[in-house]
């Protein structure tokens, strides 16, 4: 709702492009995915957690 998801998606694209820049065939593919996951998973989980918390608070306030 605030554009943070869009910004996060752009960061994901950059991280994925960097991870696969050496190719994705054979063992490099698994390495690329592991590199991408390691660089982005924490930030993406934080976004989901924050969004759920915000939605819960918003819905509680609107329901009053």
C-alpha atoms as a PDB file:
ATOM      1  CA  UNK A   1       0.000   0.000   0.000  1.00  0.00           C
ATOM      2  CA  UNK A   2       2.896   2.360   0.535  1.00  0.00           C
ATOM      3  CA  UNK A   3       5.110   1.420  -2.386  1.00  0.00           C
ATOM      4  CA  UNK A   4       7.530  -0.511  -0.225  1.00  0.00           C
ATOM      5  CA  UNK A   5       6.617  -3.729  -1.994  1.00  0.00           C
ATOM      6  CA  UNK A   6       7.558  -2.190  -5.337  1.00  0.00           C
ATOM      7  CA  UNK A   7      10.893  -0.990  -3.977  1.00  0.00           C
ATOM      8  CA  UNK A   8      11.556  -4.401  -2.478  1.00  0.00           C
ATOM      9  CA  UNK A   9      10.805  -6.043  -5.814  1.00  0.00           C
ATOM     10  CA  UNK A  10      13.383  -3.796  -7.487  1.00  0.00           C
ATOM     11  CA  UNK A  11      15.965  -4.825  -4.902  1.00  0.00           C
ATOM     12  CA  UNK A  12      15.043  -8.462  -5.545  1.00  0.00           C
ATOM     13  CA  UNK A  13      15.582  -8.030  -9.283  1.00  0.00           C
ATOM     14  CA  UNK A  14      19.002  -6.472  -8.750  1.00  0.00           C
ATOM     15  CA  UNK A  15      20.052  -9.209  -6.313  1.00  0.00           C
ATOM     16  CA  UNK A  16      18.819 -11.940  -8.654  1.00  0.00           C
ATOM     17  CA  UNK A  17      20.617 -10.408 -11.634  1.00  0.00           C
ATOM     18  CA  UNK A  18      23.843 -10.285  -9.642  1.00  0.00           C
ATOM     19  CA  UNK A  19      23.381 -13.876  -8.454  1.00  0.00           C
ATOM     20  CA  UNK A  20      22.899 -15.275 -11.965  1.00  0.00           C
ATOM     21  CA  UNK A  21      25.507 -13.106 -13.684  1.00  0.00           C
ATOM     22  CA  UNK A  22      27.904 -16.076 -13.888  1.00  0.00           C
ATOM     23  CA  UNK A  23      25.228 -18.328 -15.407  1.00  0.00           C
ATOM     24  CA  UNK A  24      22.748 -20.852 -14.116  1.00  0.00           C
ATOM     25  CA  UNK A  25      23.799 -24.144 -15.635  1.00  0.00           C
ATOM     26  CA  UNK A  26      24.863 -27.066 -13.506  1.00  0.00           C
ATOM     27  CA  UNK A  27      26.030 -26.324  -9.984  1.00  0.00           C
ATOM     28  CA  UNK A  28      26.110 -22.594 -10.738  1.00  0.00           C
ATOM     29  CA  UNK A  29      22.310 -22.545 -10.782  1.00  0.00           C
ATOM     30  CA  UNK A  30      22.033 -23.854  -7.224  1.00  0.00           C
ATOM     31  CA  UNK A  31      24.803 -21.511  -6.087  1.00  0.00           C
ATOM     32  CA  UNK A  32      23.031 -18.552  -7.709  1.00  0.00           C
ATOM     33  CA  UNK A  33      19.756 -19.352  -5.961  1.00  0.00           C
ATOM     34  CA  UNK A  34      21.522 -19.772  -2.621  1.00  0.00           C
ATOM     35  CA  UNK A  35      23.312 -16.459  -3.094  1.00  0.00           C
ATOM     36  CA  UNK A  36      20.054 -14.716  -3.975  1.00  0.00           C
ATOM     37  CA  UNK A  37      18.218 -16.248  -1.023  1.00  0.00           C
ATOM     38  CA  UNK A  38      20.993 -15.284   1.363  1.00  0.00           C
ATOM     39  CA  UNK A  39      21.011 -11.695   0.191  1.00  0.00           C
ATOM     40  CA  UNK A  40      17.245 -11.075   0.155  1.00  0.00           C
ATOM     41  CA  UNK A  41      15.350 -13.498   2.394  1.00  0.00           C
ATOM     42  CA  UNK A  42      15.749 -11.530   5.613  1.00  0.00           C
ATOM     43  CA  UNK A  43      14.575  -8.237   4.098  1.00  0.00           C
ATOM     44  CA  UNK A  44      11.634  -9.897   2.354  1.00  0.00           C
ATOM     45  CA  UNK A  45      10.537 -11.666   5.538  1.00  0.00           C
ATOM     46  CA  UNK A  46      10.703  -8.362   7.400  1.00  0.00           C
ATOM     47  CA  UNK A  47       8.464  -6.793   4.763  1.00  0.00           C
ATOM     48  CA  UNK A  48       5.868  -9.570   5.051  1.00  0.00           C
ATOM     49  CA  UNK A  49       5.923  -9.436   8.842  1.00  0.00           C
ATOM     50  CA  UNK A  50       5.553  -5.651   8.878  1.00  0.00           C
ATOM     51  CA  UNK A  51       2.744  -5.761   6.333  1.00  0.00           C
ATOM     52  CA  UNK A  52       0.818  -8.342   8.353  1.00  0.00           C
ATOM     53  CA  UNK A  53       1.240  -6.314  11.518  1.00  0.00           C
ATOM     54  CA  UNK A  54       0.121  -3.120   9.791  1.00  0.00           C
ATOM     55  CA  UNK A  55      -2.917  -4.857   8.267  1.00  0.00           C
ATOM     56  CA  UNK A  56      -3.922  -6.309  11.634  1.00  0.00           C
ATOM     57  CA  UNK A  57      -3.676  -2.922  13.318  1.00  0.00           C
ATOM     58  CA  UNK A  58      -5.499  -1.194  10.482  1.00  0.00           C
ATOM     59  CA  UNK A  59      -8.353  -3.682  10.447  1.00  0.00           C
ATOM     60  CA  UNK A  60      -8.695  -3.469  14.234  1.00  0.00           C
ATOM     61  CA  UNK A  61      -8.915   0.334  14.045  1.00  0.00           C
ATOM     62  CA  UNK A  62     -11.448   0.307  11.213  1.00  0.00           C
ATOM     63  CA  UNK A  63     -13.580  -2.297  12.942  1.00  0.00           C
ATOM     64  CA  UNK A  64     -14.152  -0.035  15.953  1.00  0.00           C
END
